[in-house]
Amino acid sequence: MRIPEASRSKLATRNVDLVQAEIAQEKAAALGRVYARLRQALDRLQAFDAAQEPGDETSREELLAAAGEALWFYVVQREACGLRDTDRVLHELCIPREVQLRMGLASSRRRVATG
């Protein structure tokens, strides 16, 4: 017994729509996860700066590198979702210029050290 051609076409279209909806949900969830990671990295940097403990520039550089990497992941995920207005988002999220300048993958040595 075979499914009629018209029914097969409707079933295929419905399946494609379901898969596309699931992909969109996963993209949105991934964007939420990388945003949380970015927010956490920025909060750690802000807390470090608020503590005003001079002389620990190595730790601050590590925090800047982590924030820059988190920002990079966020921007890439936004673009994967079709959201391309990066400059506006950087402004709205008040991303410090020094974090923007470090946007990209942190050194592999630091990633290995922190897990």
PDB file of N, CA and C in Angstrom:
ATOM      1  N   MET A   1       0.847  -1.173   0.000  1.00  0.00           N
ATOM      2  CA  MET A   1       0.000   0.000   0.000  1.00  0.00           C
ATOM      3  C   MET A   1       0.894   1.237   0.000  1.00  0.00           C
ATOM      4  N   ARG A   2       0.574   2.182  -0.818  1.00  0.00           N
ATOM      5  CA  ARG A   2       1.355   3.410  -0.950  1.00  0.00           C
ATOM      6  C   ARG A   2       0.516   4.610  -0.534  1.00  0.00           C
ATOM      7  N   ILE A   3       1.216   5.605   0.014  1.00  0.00           N
ATOM      8  CA  ILE A   3       0.560   6.863   0.363  1.00  0.00           C
ATOM      9  C   ILE A   3       0.357   7.639  -0.925  1.00  0.00           C
ATOM     10  N   PRO A   4      -0.828   8.218  -1.129  1.00  0.00           N
ATOM     11  CA  PRO A   4      -1.060   9.005  -2.357  1.00  0.00           C
ATOM     12  C   PRO A   4      -0.051  10.148  -2.472  1.00  0.00           C
ATOM     13  N   GLU A   5       0.283  10.495  -3.697  1.00  0.00           N
ATOM     14  CA  GLU A   5       1.299  11.518  -3.977  1.00  0.00           C
ATOM     15  C   GLU A   5       0.999  12.840  -3.269  1.00  0.00           C
ATOM     16  N   ALA A   6      -0.231  13.302  -3.291  1.00  0.00           N
ATOM     17  CA  ALA A   6      -0.599  14.569  -2.649  1.00  0.00           C
ATOM     18  C   ALA A   6      -0.363  14.506  -1.138  1.00  0.00           C
ATOM     19  N   SER A   7      -0.700  13.395  -0.527  1.00  0.00           N
ATOM     20  CA  SER A   7      -0.493  13.235   0.914  1.00  0.00           C
ATOM     21  C   SER A   7       0.987  13.186   1.251  1.00  0.00           C
ATOM     22  N   ARG A   8       1.770  12.524   0.391  1.00  0.00           N
ATOM     23  CA  ARG A   8       3.217  12.462   0.612  1.00  0.00           C
ATOM     24  C   ARG A   8       3.833  13.848   0.570  1.00  0.00           C
ATOM     25  N   SER A   9       3.393  14.659  -0.358  1.00  0.00           N
ATOM     26  CA  SER A   9       3.907  16.017  -0.484  1.00  0.00           C
ATOM     27  C   SER A   9       3.587  16.844   0.760  1.00  0.00           C
ATOM     28  N   LYS A  10       2.345  16.736   1.252  1.00  0.00           N
ATOM     29  CA  LYS A  10       1.955  17.465   2.462  1.00  0.00           C
ATOM     30  C   LYS A  10       2.749  16.979   3.671  1.00  0.00           C
ATOM     31  N   LEU A  11       2.955  15.670   3.758  1.00  0.00           N
ATOM     32  CA  LEU A  11       3.709  15.091   4.867  1.00  0.00           C
ATOM     33  C   LEU A  11       5.163  15.551   4.827  1.00  0.00           C
ATOM     34  N   ALA A  12       5.756  15.566   3.663  1.00  0.00           N
ATOM     35  CA  ALA A  12       7.143  16.017   3.519  1.00  0.00           C
ATOM     36  C   ALA A  12       7.271  17.489   3.899  1.00  0.00           C
ATOM     37  N   THR A  13       6.321  18.304   3.448  1.00  0.00           N
ATOM     38  CA  THR A  13       6.348  19.732   3.786  1.00  0.00           C
ATOM     39  C   THR A  13       6.209  19.928   5.283  1.00  0.00           C
ATOM     40  N   ARG A  14       5.310  19.188   5.908  1.00  0.00           N
ATOM     41  CA  ARG A  14       5.102  19.296   7.356  1.00  0.00           C
ATOM     42  C   ARG A  14       6.373  18.886   8.103  1.00  0.00           C
ATOM     43  N   ASN A  15       7.011  17.807   7.664  1.00  0.00           N
ATOM     44  CA  ASN A  15       8.244  17.353   8.315  1.00  0.00           C
ATOM     45  C   ASN A  15       9.355  18.385   8.187  1.00  0.00           C
ATOM     46  N   VAL A  16       9.479  18.984   7.015  1.00  0.00           N
ATOM     47  CA  VAL A  16      10.492  20.021   6.809  1.00  0.00           C
ATOM     48  C   VAL A  16      10.204  21.202   7.718  1.00  0.00           C
ATOM     49  N   ASP A  17       8.949  21.608   7.826  1.00  0.00           N
ATOM     50  CA  ASP A  17       8.572  22.718   8.699  1.00  0.00           C
ATOM     51  C   ASP A  17       8.905  22.409  10.154  1.00  0.00           C
ATOM     52  N   LEU A  18       8.643  21.189  10.582  1.00  0.00           N
ATOM     53  CA  LEU A  18       8.959  20.795  11.965  1.00  0.00           C
ATOM     54  C   LEU A  18      10.459  20.838  12.235  1.00  0.00           C
ATOM     55  N   VAL A  19      11.241  20.358  11.285  1.00  0.00           N
ATOM     56  CA  VAL A  19      12.697  20.376  11.442  1.00  0.00           C
ATOM     57  C   VAL A  19      13.211  21.813  11.468  1.00  0.00           C
ATOM     58  N   GLN A  20      12.687  22.649  10.583  1.00  0.00           N
ATOM     59  CA  GLN A  20      13.106  24.054  10.565  1.00  0.00           C
ATOM     60  C   GLN A  20      12.747  24.759  11.869  1.00  0.00           C
ATOM     61  N   ALA A  21      11.597  24.457  12.432  1.00  0.00           N
ATOM     62  CA  ALA A  21      11.204  25.053  13.715  1.00  0.00           C
ATOM     63  C   ALA A  21      12.138  24.588  14.827  1.00  0.00           C
ATOM     64  N   GLU A  22      12.511  23.324  14.810  1.00  0.00           N
ATOM     65  CA  GLU A  22      13.421  22.804  15.822  1.00  0.00           C
ATOM     66  C   GLU A  22      14.808  23.437  15.697  1.00  0.00           C
ATOM     67  N   ILE A  23      15.269  23.634  14.487  1.00  0.00           N
ATOM     68  CA  ILE A  23      16.557  24.294  14.266  1.00  0.00           C
ATOM     69  C   ILE A  23      16.514  25.725  14.786  1.00  0.00           C
ATOM     70  N   ALA A  24      15.425  26.437  14.511  1.00  0.00           N
ATOM     71  CA  ALA A  24      15.283  27.812  14.990  1.00  0.00           C
ATOM     72  C   ALA A  24      15.283  27.855  16.517  1.00  0.00           C
ATOM     73  N   GLN A  25      14.620  26.907  17.158  1.00  0.00           N
ATOM     74  CA  GLN A  25      14.606  26.847  18.622  1.00  0.00           C
ATOM     75  C   GLN A  25      16.005  26.602  19.176  1.00  0.00           C
ATOM     76  N   GLU A  26      16.759  25.724  18.538  1.00  0.00           N
ATOM     77  CA  GLU A  26      18.114  25.433  19.010  1.00  0.00           C
ATOM     78  C   GLU A  26      19.029  26.635  18.819  1.00  0.00           C
ATOM     79  N   LYS A  27      18.885  27.340  17.706  1.00  0.00           N
ATOM     80  CA  LYS A  27      19.677  28.557  17.490  1.00  0.00           C
ATOM     81  C   LYS A  27      19.392  29.584  18.578  1.00  0.00           C
ATOM     82  N   ALA A  28      18.106  29.751  18.902  1.00  0.00           N
ATOM     83  CA  ALA A  28      17.723  30.715  19.937  1.00  0.00           C
ATOM     84  C   ALA A  28      18.264  30.289  21.303  1.00  0.00           C
ATOM     85  N   ALA A  29      18.197  29.014  21.614  1.00  0.00           N
ATOM     86  CA  ALA A  29      18.716  28.520  22.892  1.00  0.00           C
ATOM     87  C   ALA A  29      20.233  28.709  22.965  1.00  0.00           C
ATOM     88  N   ALA A  30      20.922  28.425  21.869  1.00  0.00           N
ATOM     89  CA  ALA A  30      22.374  28.604  21.835  1.00  0.00           C
ATOM     90  C   ALA A  30      22.724  30.078  22.000  1.00  0.00           C
ATOM     91  N   LEU A  31      21.951  30.968  21.382  1.00  0.00           N
ATOM     92  CA  LEU A  31      22.188  32.398  21.530  1.00  0.00           C
ATOM     93  C   LEU A  31      22.013  32.812  22.996  1.00  0.00           C
ATOM     94  N   GLY A  32      21.019  32.273  23.652  1.00  0.00           N
ATOM     95  CA  GLY A  32      20.815  32.561  25.071  1.00  0.00           C
ATOM     96  C   GLY A  32      21.978  32.085  25.926  1.00  0.00           C
ATOM     97  N   ARG A  33      22.505  30.916  25.603  1.00  0.00           N
ATOM     98  CA  ARG A  33      23.644  30.375  26.375  1.00  0.00           C
ATOM     99  C   ARG A  33      24.901  31.225  26.185  1.00  0.00           C
ATOM    100  N   VAL A  34      25.197  31.615  24.956  1.00  0.00           N
ATOM    101  CA  VAL A  34      26.407  32.415  24.746  1.00  0.00           C
ATOM    102  C   VAL A  34      26.236  33.824  25.298  1.00  0.00           C
ATOM    103  N   TYR A  35      24.995  34.336  25.301  1.00  0.00           N
ATOM    104  CA  TYR A  35      24.762  35.637  25.923  1.00  0.00           C
ATOM    105  C   TYR A  35      25.008  35.549  27.431  1.00  0.00           C
ATOM    106  N   ALA A  36      24.542  34.486  28.063  1.00  0.00           N
ATOM    107  CA  ALA A  36      24.768  34.314  29.508  1.00  0.00           C
ATOM    108  C   ALA A  36      26.260  34.232  29.807  1.00  0.00           C
ATOM    109  N   ARG A  37      26.996  33.536  28.942  1.00  0.00           N
ATOM    110  CA  ARG A  37      28.451  33.442  29.119  1.00  0.00           C
ATOM    111  C   ARG A  37      29.105  34.817  28.978  1.00  0.00           C
ATOM    112  N   LEU A  38      28.659  35.600  28.001  1.00  0.00           N
ATOM    113  CA  LEU A  38      29.183  36.958  27.809  1.00  0.00           C
ATOM    114  C   LEU A  38      28.867  37.822  29.020  1.00  0.00           C
ATOM    115  N   ARG A  39      27.624  37.784  29.465  1.00  0.00           N
ATOM    116  CA  ARG A  39      27.222  38.601  30.620  1.00  0.00           C
ATOM    117  C   ARG A  39      28.049  38.238  31.854  1.00  0.00           C
ATOM    118  N   GLN A  40      28.287  36.957  32.058  1.00  0.00           N
ATOM    119  CA  GLN A  40      29.085  36.493  33.200  1.00  0.00           C
ATOM    120  C   GLN A  40      30.522  37.001  33.093  1.00  0.00           C
ATOM    121  N   ALA A  41      31.094  36.937  31.916  1.00  0.00           N
ATOM    122  CA  ALA A  41      32.475  37.401  31.724  1.00  0.00           C
ATOM    123  C   ALA A  41      32.564  38.911  31.954  1.00  0.00           C
ATOM    124  N   LEU A  42      31.584  39.654  31.458  1.00  0.00           N
ATOM    125  CA  LEU A  42      31.586  41.102  31.668  1.00  0.00           C
ATOM    126  C   LEU A  42      31.376  41.451  33.147  1.00  0.00           C
ATOM    127  N   ASP A  43      30.522  40.704  33.822  1.00  0.00           N
ATOM    128  CA  ASP A  43      30.284  40.940  35.251  1.00  0.00           C
ATOM    129  C   ASP A  43      31.550  40.659  36.074  1.00  0.00           C
ATOM    130  N   ARG A  44      32.277  39.596  35.725  1.00  0.00           N
ATOM    131  CA  ARG A  44      33.531  39.293  36.435  1.00  0.00           C
ATOM    132  C   ARG A  44      34.554  40.405  36.230  1.00  0.00           C
ATOM    133  N   LEU A  45      34.648  40.903  35.024  1.00  0.00           N
ATOM    134  CA  LEU A  45      35.579  41.998  34.739  1.00  0.00           C
ATOM    135  C   LEU A  45      35.173  43.247  35.514  1.00  0.00           C
ATOM    136  N   GLN A  46      33.896  43.562  35.518  1.00  0.00           N
ATOM    137  CA  GLN A  46      33.413  44.740  36.244  1.00  0.00           C
ATOM    138  C   GLN A  46      33.651  44.592  37.746  1.00  0.00           C
ATOM    139  N   ALA A  47      33.437  43.406  38.293  1.00  0.00           N
ATOM    140  CA  ALA A  47      33.672  43.176  39.720  1.00  0.00           C
ATOM    141  C   ALA A  47      35.153  43.320  40.050  1.00  0.00           C
ATOM    142  N   PHE A  48      36.002  42.832  39.155  1.00  0.00           N
ATOM    143  CA  PHE A  48      37.445  42.958  39.358  1.00  0.00           C
ATOM    144  C   PHE A  48      37.840  44.434  39.385  1.00  0.00           C
ATOM    145  N   ASP A  49      37.328  45.191  38.427  1.00  0.00           N
ATOM    146  CA  ASP A  49      37.643  46.622  38.365  1.00  0.00           C
ATOM    147  C   ASP A  49      37.089  47.377  39.570  1.00  0.00           C
ATOM    148  N   ALA A  50      35.924  46.968  40.058  1.00  0.00           N
ATOM    149  CA  ALA A  50      35.309  47.636  41.208  1.00  0.00           C
ATOM    150  C   ALA A  50      36.103  47.382  42.490  1.00  0.00           C
ATOM    151  N   ALA A  51      36.773  46.234  42.559  1.00  0.00           N
ATOM    152  CA  ALA A  51      37.569  45.906  43.747  1.00  0.00           C
ATOM    153  C   ALA A  51      38.792  46.809  43.846  1.00  0.00           C
ATOM    154  N   GLN A  52      39.217  47.371  42.735  1.00  0.00           N
ATOM    155  CA  GLN A  52      40.337  48.318  42.673  1.00  0.00           C
ATOM    156  C   GLN A  52      41.569  47.834  43.419  1.00  0.00           C
ATOM    157  N   GLU A  53      41.970  46.616  43.097  1.00  0.00           N
ATOM    158  CA  GLU A  53      43.197  46.096  43.681  1.00  0.00           C
ATOM    159  C   GLU A  53      44.304  46.246  42.642  1.00  0.00           C
ATOM    160  N   PRO A  54      45.136  47.267  42.805  1.00  0.00           N
ATOM    161  CA  PRO A  54      46.188  47.513  41.803  1.00  0.00           C
ATOM    162  C   PRO A  54      47.251  46.417  41.819  1.00  0.00           C
ATOM    163  N   GLY A  55      47.899  46.287  40.690  1.00  0.00           N
ATOM    164  CA  GLY A  55      49.044  45.394  40.611  1.00  0.00           C
ATOM    165  C   GLY A  55      48.742  44.014  40.073  1.00  0.00           C
ATOM    166  N   ASP A  56      47.496  43.636  39.924  1.00  0.00           N
ATOM    167  CA  ASP A  56      47.176  42.300  39.431  1.00  0.00           C
ATOM    168  C   ASP A  56      46.729  42.366  37.973  1.00  0.00           C
ATOM    169  N   GLU A  57      47.600  42.899  37.126  1.00  0.00           N
ATOM    170  CA  GLU A  57      47.280  43.081  35.707  1.00  0.00           C
ATOM    171  C   GLU A  57      47.142  41.755  34.962  1.00  0.00           C
ATOM    172  N   THR A  58      47.848  40.711  35.418  1.00  0.00           N
ATOM    173  CA  THR A  58      47.736  39.415  34.753  1.00  0.00           C
ATOM    174  C   THR A  58      46.304  38.902  34.838  1.00  0.00           C
ATOM    175  N   SER A  59      45.705  38.980  36.011  1.00  0.00           N
ATOM    176  CA  SER A  59      44.325  38.523  36.176  1.00  0.00           C
ATOM    177  C   SER A  59      43.375  39.359  35.329  1.00  0.00           C
ATOM    178  N   ARG A  60      43.603  40.657  35.291  1.00  0.00           N
ATOM    179  CA  ARG A  60      42.728  41.523  34.496  1.00  0.00           C
ATOM    180  C   ARG A  60      42.855  41.183  33.018  1.00  0.00           C
ATOM    181  N   GLU A  61      44.061  40.937  32.554  1.00  0.00           N
ATOM    182  CA  GLU A  61      44.260  40.556  31.154  1.00  0.00           C
ATOM    183  C   GLU A  61      43.539  39.244  30.849  1.00  0.00           C
ATOM    184  N   GLU A  62      43.574  38.302  31.788  1.00  0.00           N
ATOM    185  CA  GLU A  62      42.862  37.033  31.593  1.00  0.00           C
ATOM    186  C   GLU A  62      41.358  37.267  31.521  1.00  0.00           C
ATOM    187  N   LEU A  63      40.846  38.153  32.372  1.00  0.00           N
ATOM    188  CA  LEU A  63      39.422  38.473  32.347  1.00  0.00           C
ATOM    189  C   LEU A  63      39.032  39.177  31.047  1.00  0.00           C
ATOM    190  N   LEU A  64      39.885  40.071  30.574  1.00  0.00           N
ATOM    191  CA  LEU A  64      39.635  40.736  29.292  1.00  0.00           C
ATOM    192  C   LEU A  64      39.630  39.731  28.142  1.00  0.00           C
ATOM    193  N   ALA A  65      40.580  38.804  28.166  1.00  0.00           N
ATOM    194  CA  ALA A  65      40.650  37.785  27.118  1.00  0.00           C
ATOM    195  C   ALA A  65      39.408  36.902  27.143  1.00  0.00           C
ATOM    196  N   ALA A  66      38.959  36.528  28.332  1.00  0.00           N
ATOM    197  CA  ALA A  66      37.754  35.691  28.450  1.00  0.00           C
ATOM    198  C   ALA A  66      36.527  36.450  27.958  1.00  0.00           C
ATOM    199  N   ALA A  67      36.430  37.732  28.296  1.00  0.00           N
ATOM    200  CA  ALA A  67      35.301  38.541  27.843  1.00  0.00           C
ATOM    201  C   ALA A  67      35.345  38.725  26.329  1.00  0.00           C
ATOM    202  N   GLY A  68      36.531  38.934  25.778  1.00  0.00           N
ATOM    203  CA  GLY A  68      36.672  39.070  24.328  1.00  0.00           C
ATOM    204  C   GLY A  68      36.276  37.800  23.597  1.00  0.00           C
ATOM    205  N   GLU A  69      36.641  36.658  24.150  1.00  0.00           N
ATOM    206  CA  GLU A  69      36.267  35.384  23.540  1.00  0.00           C
ATOM    207  C   GLU A  69      34.756  35.173  23.634  1.00  0.00           C
ATOM    208  N   ALA A  70      34.173  35.468  24.790  1.00  0.00           N
ATOM    209  CA  ALA A  70      32.729  35.320  24.964  1.00  0.00           C
ATOM    210  C   ALA A  70      31.981  36.254  24.007  1.00  0.00           C
ATOM    211  N   LEU A  71      32.483  37.452  23.815  1.00  0.00           N
ATOM    212  CA  LEU A  71      31.874  38.397  22.878  1.00  0.00           C
ATOM    213  C   LEU A  71      31.931  37.845  21.459  1.00  0.00           C
ATOM    214  N   TRP A  72      33.050  37.274  21.107  1.00  0.00           N
ATOM    215  CA  TRP A  72      33.203  36.704  19.766  1.00  0.00           C
ATOM    216  C   TRP A  72      32.187  35.585  19.534  1.00  0.00           C
ATOM    217  N   PHE A  73      32.046  34.670  20.518  1.00  0.00           N
ATOM    218  CA  PHE A  73      31.067  33.587  20.395  1.00  0.00           C
ATOM    219  C   PHE A  73      29.647  34.153  20.249  1.00  0.00           C
ATOM    220  N   TYR A  74      29.351  35.201  20.998  1.00  0.00           N
ATOM    221  CA  TYR A  74      28.024  35.821  20.945  1.00  0.00           C
ATOM    222  C   TYR A  74      27.756  36.427  19.561  1.00  0.00           C
ATOM    223  N   VAL A  75      28.716  37.156  19.043  1.00  0.00           N
ATOM    224  CA  VAL A  75      28.553  37.792  17.735  1.00  0.00           C
ATOM    225  C   VAL A  75      28.400  36.734  16.638  1.00  0.00           C
ATOM    226  N   VAL A  76      29.203  35.690  16.702  1.00  0.00           N
ATOM    227  CA  VAL A  76      29.114  34.623  15.695  1.00  0.00           C
ATOM    228  C   VAL A  76      27.746  33.943  15.760  1.00  0.00           C
ATOM    229  N   GLN A  77      27.266  33.662  16.971  1.00  0.00           N
ATOM    230  CA  GLN A  77      25.961  33.006  17.106  1.00  0.00           C
ATOM    231  C   GLN A  77      24.831  33.914  16.619  1.00  0.00           C
ATOM    232  N   ARG A  78      24.933  35.209  16.918  1.00  0.00           N
ATOM    233  CA  ARG A  78      23.928  36.157  16.419  1.00  0.00           C
ATOM    234  C   ARG A  78      23.896  36.128  14.888  1.00  0.00           C
ATOM    235  N   GLU A  79      25.062  36.115  14.277  1.00  0.00           N
ATOM    236  CA  GLU A  79      25.118  36.092  12.820  1.00  0.00           C
ATOM    237  C   GLU A  79      24.567  34.790  12.267  1.00  0.00           C
ATOM    238  N   ALA A  80      24.795  33.681  12.981  1.00  0.00           N
ATOM    239  CA  ALA A  80      24.230  32.393  12.561  1.00  0.00           C
ATOM    240  C   ALA A  80      22.700  32.425  12.613  1.00  0.00           C
ATOM    241  N   CYS A  81      22.168  33.261  13.474  1.00  0.00           N
ATOM    242  CA  CYS A  81      20.708  33.430  13.587  1.00  0.00           C
ATOM    243  C   CYS A  81      20.174  34.462  12.598  1.00  0.00           C
ATOM    244  N   GLY A  82      21.062  35.056  11.808  1.00  0.00           N
ATOM    245  CA  GLY A  82      20.643  36.041  10.817  1.00  0.00           C
ATOM    246  C   GLY A  82      20.589  37.466  11.345  1.00  0.00           C
ATOM    247  N   LEU A  83      21.112  37.686  12.541  1.00  0.00           N
ATOM    248  CA  LEU A  83      21.118  39.013  13.157  1.00  0.00           C
ATOM    249  C   LEU A  83      22.469  39.663  12.892  1.00  0.00           C
ATOM    250  N   ARG A  84      22.497  40.698  12.088  1.00  0.00           N
ATOM    251  CA  ARG A  84      23.758  41.246  11.602  1.00  0.00           C
ATOM    252  C   ARG A  84      24.091  42.644  12.129  1.00  0.00           C
ATOM    253  N   ASP A  85      23.309  43.194  13.021  1.00  0.00           N
ATOM    254  CA  ASP A  85      23.509  44.566  13.497  1.00  0.00           C
ATOM    255  C   ASP A  85      24.454  44.620  14.708  1.00  0.00           C
ATOM    256  N   THR A  86      25.655  44.137  14.536  1.00  0.00           N
ATOM    257  CA  THR A  86      26.613  43.988  15.630  1.00  0.00           C
ATOM    258  C   THR A  86      26.972  45.313  16.294  1.00  0.00           C
ATOM    259  N   ASP A  87      27.213  46.348  15.516  1.00  0.00           N
ATOM    260  CA  ASP A  87      27.604  47.638  16.114  1.00  0.00           C
ATOM    261  C   ASP A  87      26.546  48.165  17.075  1.00  0.00           C
ATOM    262  N   ARG A  88      25.295  48.055  16.691  1.00  0.00           N
ATOM    263  CA  ARG A  88      24.201  48.514  17.557  1.00  0.00           C
ATOM    264  C   ARG A  88      24.161  47.707  18.851  1.00  0.00           C
ATOM    265  N   VAL A  89      24.345  46.396  18.736  1.00  0.00           N
ATOM    266  CA  VAL A  89      24.310  45.522  19.915  1.00  0.00           C
ATOM    267  C   VAL A  89      25.475  45.835  20.847  1.00  0.00           C
ATOM    268  N   LEU A  90      26.659  46.060  20.291  1.00  0.00           N
ATOM    269  CA  LEU A  90      27.814  46.404  21.125  1.00  0.00           C
ATOM    270  C   LEU A  90      27.537  47.677  21.909  1.00  0.00           C
ATOM    271  N   HIS A  91      26.887  48.626  21.264  1.00  0.00           N
ATOM    272  CA  HIS A  91      26.537  49.889  21.925  1.00  0.00           C
ATOM    273  C   HIS A  91      25.464  49.660  22.997  1.00  0.00           C
ATOM    274  N   GLU A  92      24.403  48.935  22.654  1.00  0.00           N
ATOM    275  CA  GLU A  92      23.299  48.709  23.594  1.00  0.00           C
ATOM    276  C   GLU A  92      23.729  47.896  24.818  1.00  0.00           C
ATOM    277  N   LEU A  93      24.643  46.955  24.623  1.00  0.00           N
ATOM    278  CA  LEU A  93      25.114  46.134  25.747  1.00  0.00           C
ATOM    279  C   LEU A  93      26.239  46.812  26.530  1.00  0.00           C
ATOM    280  N   CYS A  94      26.646  47.999  26.073  1.00  0.00           N
ATOM    281  CA  CYS A  94      27.734  48.751  26.728  1.00  0.00           C
ATOM    282  C   CYS A  94      29.003  47.910  26.859  1.00  0.00           C
ATOM    283  N   ILE A  95      29.392  47.283  25.753  1.00  0.00           N
ATOM    284  CA  ILE A  95      30.602  46.465  25.745  1.00  0.00           C
ATOM    285  C   ILE A  95      31.795  47.410  25.760  1.00  0.00           C
ATOM    286  N   PRO A  96      32.666  47.298  26.766  1.00  0.00           N
ATOM    287  CA  PRO A  96      33.832  48.185  26.822  1.00  0.00           C
ATOM    288  C   PRO A  96      34.706  48.036  25.578  1.00  0.00           C
ATOM    289  N   ARG A  97      35.282  49.139  25.159  1.00  0.00           N
ATOM    290  CA  ARG A  97      36.134  49.142  23.954  1.00  0.00           C
ATOM    291  C   ARG A  97      37.280  48.147  24.086  1.00  0.00           C
ATOM    292  N   GLU A  98      37.868  48.037  25.273  1.00  0.00           N
ATOM    293  CA  GLU A  98      39.001  47.115  25.435  1.00  0.00           C
ATOM    294  C   GLU A  98      38.567  45.654  25.294  1.00  0.00           C
ATOM    295  N   VAL A  99      37.312  45.348  25.584  1.00  0.00           N
ATOM    296  CA  VAL A  99      36.797  43.998  25.337  1.00  0.00           C
ATOM    297  C   VAL A  99      36.575  43.807  23.847  1.00  0.00           C
ATOM    298  N   GLN A 100      36.022  44.819  23.187  1.00  0.00           N
ATOM    299  CA  GLN A 100      35.807  44.738  21.745  1.00  0.00           C
ATOM    300  C   GLN A 100      37.123  44.495  21.001  1.00  0.00           C
ATOM    301  N   LEU A 101      38.177  45.149  21.466  1.00  0.00           N
ATOM    302  CA  LEU A 101      39.485  44.996  20.816  1.00  0.00           C
ATOM    303  C   LEU A 101      40.077  43.602  21.015  1.00  0.00           C
ATOM    304  N   ARG A 102      39.602  42.880  22.017  1.00  0.00           N
ATOM    305  CA  ARG A 102      40.097  41.525  22.285  1.00  0.00           C
ATOM    306  C   ARG A 102      39.136  40.455  21.771  1.00  0.00           C
ATOM    307  N   MET A 103      38.144  40.886  20.993  1.00  0.00           N
ATOM    308  CA  MET A 103      37.168  39.939  20.479  1.00  0.00           C
ATOM    309  C   MET A 103      37.854  38.909  19.591  1.00  0.00           C
ATOM    310  N   GLY A 104      37.652  37.649  19.894  1.00  0.00           N
ATOM    311  CA  GLY A 104      38.240  36.539  19.151  1.00  0.00           C
ATOM    312  C   GLY A 104      38.597  35.437  20.114  1.00  0.00           C
ATOM    313  N   LEU A 105      39.147  34.373  19.589  1.00  0.00           N
ATOM    314  CA  LEU A 105      39.542  33.256  20.441  1.00  0.00           C
ATOM    315  C   LEU A 105      40.681  33.667  21.358  1.00  0.00           C
ATOM    316  N   ALA A 106      40.566  33.286  22.625  1.00  0.00           N
ATOM    317  CA  ALA A 106      41.661  33.505  23.570  1.00  0.00           C
ATOM    318  C   ALA A 106      42.757  32.506  23.239  1.00  0.00           C
ATOM    319  N   SER A 107      43.943  32.753  23.743  1.00  0.00           N
ATOM    320  CA  SER A 107      45.052  31.847  23.446  1.00  0.00           C
ATOM    321  C   SER A 107      44.753  30.446  23.962  1.00  0.00           C
ATOM    322  N   SER A 108      45.229  29.449  23.246  1.00  0.00           N
ATOM    323  CA  SER A 108      44.968  28.053  23.640  1.00  0.00           C
ATOM    324  C   SER A 108      45.590  27.756  25.003  1.00  0.00           C
ATOM    325  N   ARG A 109      46.674  28.418  25.337  1.00  0.00           N
ATOM    326  CA  ARG A 109      47.323  28.196  26.629  1.00  0.00           C
ATOM    327  C   ARG A 109      46.383  28.586  27.765  1.00  0.00           C
ATOM    328  N   ARG A 110      45.682  29.712  27.619  1.00  0.00           N
ATOM    329  CA  ARG A 110      44.755  30.148  28.651  1.00  0.00           C
ATOM    330  C   ARG A 110      43.557  29.216  28.726  1.00  0.00           C
ATOM    331  N   ARG A 111      43.038  28.772  27.583  1.00  0.00           N
ATOM    332  CA  ARG A 111      41.866  27.898  27.581  1.00  0.00           C
ATOM    333  C   ARG A 111      42.191  26.574  28.253  1.00  0.00           C
ATOM    334  N   VAL A 112      43.391  26.049  28.024  1.00  0.00           N
ATOM    335  CA  VAL A 112      43.781  24.789  28.643  1.00  0.00           C
ATOM    336  C   VAL A 112      43.896  24.976  30.155  1.00  0.00           C
ATOM    337  N   ALA A 113      44.418  26.099  30.578  1.00  0.00           N
ATOM    338  CA  ALA A 113      44.617  26.355  32.011  1.00  0.00           C
ATOM    339  C   ALA A 113      43.290  26.493  32.743  1.00  0.00           C
ATOM    340  N   THR A 114      42.251  27.047  32.067  1.00  0.00           N
ATOM    341  CA  THR A 114      40.980  27.275  32.744  1.00  0.00           C
ATOM    342  C   THR A 114      39.950  26.194  32.440  1.00  0.00           C
ATOM    343  N   GLY A 115      40.277  25.285  31.578  1.00  0.00           N
ATOM    344  CA  GLY A 115      39.361  24.173  31.331  1.00  0.00           C
ATOM    345  C   GLY A 115      38.558  24.379  30.148  1.00  0.00           C
TER     346      GLY A 115
END
